[in-house]
Amino acid sequence: MLKKLRKSNLDEAKEAALPVPSKRARMSPLVYGAGMIAAGLLLKKVNPRFGTLPNPLQYGASRKKSRGVKAATFARDRAANFAPGNVTTKLGKSLILGGAAMLTARILDEAVGRKL
C-alpha cells in the first residue's frame, strides 16, 4: 500500500512539474522534418550547376619537380577519389536522411505516448 501511494505521488508530482506541450509544439517537428525532406528532394532534383566541383585531374601534373609540388599533386589526386561530384546532391541526401530521422522519432514518440 505504501509503495503504491509513493508511486502515485511521484507520478502526480512529475505531471505537475512538467508542462503539457501544446499540440503545435508536438506537431512542429513533423512540419520541420517534412520541410527538410522537401528541400533535400528539391536539391537532388534541380542539381544546380554551382555545386559541381571541378575535376582536379584536369590541371595535370606539374612541370616542376620539387618534392613539395609532387607531394601536393599526389595528395590532390588521392583526395579526388573521395570528393563528391556535386556538393548539392550530397547536401540534399543529408537533408532527406535528417528529415526522415526526425519524422520517425516524432511518430514513434506519439505512438509510445511520450509528450515531447
Protein backbone atom coordinates (compact mmCIF):
# COMPACT_ATOMS: atom_id res chain seq x y z
CA MET A 1 0.00 0.00 0.00
CA LEU A 2 2.80 2.39 0.93
CA LYS A 3 4.70 1.68 -2.29
CA LYS A 4 1.58 2.26 -4.38
CA LEU A 5 0.93 5.53 -2.60
CA ARG A 6 4.51 6.71 -3.14
CA LYS A 7 4.42 5.81 -6.84
CA SER A 8 1.16 7.65 -7.44
CA ASN A 9 2.51 10.72 -5.62
CA LEU A 10 5.63 10.62 -7.74
CA ASP A 11 3.59 10.42 -10.95
CA GLU A 12 1.41 13.31 -9.84
CA ALA A 13 4.47 15.38 -8.97
CA LYS A 14 6.01 14.70 -12.39
CA GLU A 15 2.83 15.72 -14.18
CA ALA A 16 2.53 18.88 -12.10
CA ALA A 17 6.18 19.85 -12.62
CA LEU A 18 6.28 19.26 -16.38
CA PRO A 19 4.06 21.44 -18.50
CA VAL A 20 1.93 19.67 -21.07
CA PRO A 21 3.14 20.75 -24.52
CA SER A 22 0.65 22.28 -26.88
CA LYS A 23 -0.46 20.44 -29.99
CA ARG A 24 1.51 22.93 -32.08
CA ALA A 25 4.72 22.16 -30.17
CA ARG A 26 4.13 18.43 -30.56
CA MET A 27 3.49 18.63 -34.29
CA SER A 28 6.15 21.18 -35.29
CA PRO A 29 8.90 18.51 -35.67
CA LEU A 30 6.67 16.79 -38.24
CA VAL A 31 6.45 20.01 -40.26
CA TYR A 32 10.19 20.66 -39.97
CA GLY A 33 11.02 17.09 -40.96
CA ALA A 34 8.72 17.23 -43.99
CA GLY A 35 10.29 20.55 -44.95
CA MET A 36 13.78 19.07 -44.71
CA ILE A 37 12.75 16.16 -46.91
CA ALA A 38 11.16 18.53 -49.45
CA ALA A 39 14.25 20.76 -49.55
CA GLY A 40 16.51 17.72 -49.97
CA LEU A 41 14.41 16.32 -52.80
CA LEU A 42 14.43 19.73 -54.48
CA LEU A 43 18.22 19.96 -54.27
CA LYS A 44 18.63 16.47 -55.69
CA LYS A 45 16.12 17.11 -58.48
CA VAL A 46 17.36 20.56 -59.54
CA ASN A 47 21.05 19.66 -59.22
CA PRO A 48 22.33 23.27 -59.56
CA ARG A 49 25.45 23.82 -61.57
CA PHE A 50 27.19 25.95 -58.94
CA GLY A 51 27.51 22.89 -56.71
CA THR A 52 29.57 20.94 -59.24
CA LEU A 53 33.19 20.62 -58.22
CA PRO A 54 35.88 20.80 -60.89
CA ASN A 55 37.85 17.69 -61.67
CA PRO A 56 41.29 18.28 -60.11
CA LEU A 57 42.92 15.92 -62.58
CA GLN A 58 42.18 18.33 -65.43
CA TYR A 59 45.10 20.50 -64.36
CA GLY A 60 47.51 17.66 -64.99
CA ALA A 61 50.89 17.11 -63.44
CA SER A 62 53.12 20.00 -62.57
CA ARG A 63 56.21 20.64 -64.63
CA LYS A 64 58.16 21.50 -61.51
CA LYS A 65 59.82 18.52 -59.95
CA SER A 66 60.21 19.75 -56.38
CA ARG A 67 59.22 17.41 -53.55
CA GLY A 68 56.58 19.78 -52.22
CA VAL A 69 54.83 20.05 -55.57
CA LYS A 70 54.96 16.29 -56.09
CA ALA A 71 53.51 15.70 -52.62
CA ALA A 72 50.74 18.23 -53.23
CA THR A 73 49.91 16.65 -56.59
CA PHE A 74 49.84 13.19 -55.02
CA ALA A 75 47.55 14.37 -52.20
CA ARG A 76 45.26 16.16 -54.69
CA ASP A 77 44.92 13.06 -56.85
CA ARG A 78 44.12 10.84 -53.86
CA ALA A 79 41.62 13.31 -52.38
CA ALA A 80 39.82 13.46 -55.74
CA ASN A 81 38.77 9.83 -55.23
CA PHE A 82 36.73 10.78 -52.14
CA ALA A 83 35.38 14.18 -53.23
CA PRO A 84 31.75 14.26 -54.41
CA GLY A 85 30.99 15.33 -57.95
CA ASN A 86 28.24 17.69 -56.83
CA VAL A 87 28.04 19.09 -53.30
CA THR A 88 24.35 19.99 -53.52
CA THR A 89 23.27 16.41 -54.17
CA LYS A 90 25.16 15.28 -51.07
CA LEU A 91 23.57 18.10 -49.09
CA GLY A 92 20.16 17.05 -50.43
CA LYS A 93 20.73 13.47 -49.37
CA SER A 94 21.74 14.61 -45.88
CA LEU A 95 18.59 16.73 -45.59
CA ILE A 96 16.42 13.80 -46.67
CA LEU A 97 18.02 11.46 -44.12
CA GLY A 98 17.83 14.05 -41.32
CA GLY A 99 14.19 14.82 -42.08
CA ALA A 100 13.28 11.15 -42.21
CA ALA A 101 15.01 10.55 -38.87
CA MET A 102 13.15 13.49 -37.31
CA LEU A 103 9.80 12.27 -38.63
CA THR A 104 10.45 8.72 -37.49
CA ALA A 105 11.48 9.77 -33.99
CA ARG A 106 8.47 12.06 -33.57
CA ILE A 107 5.99 9.49 -34.90
CA LEU A 108 7.41 6.84 -32.58
CA ASP A 109 7.18 9.30 -29.66
CA GLU A 110 3.50 9.81 -30.42
CA ALA A 111 2.94 6.06 -30.77
CA VAL A 112 4.56 5.35 -27.42
CA GLY A 113 2.65 8.17 -25.79
CA ARG A 114 5.54 10.36 -24.70
CA LYS A 115 4.80 14.03 -24.54
CA LEU A 116 7.71 15.74 -26.24
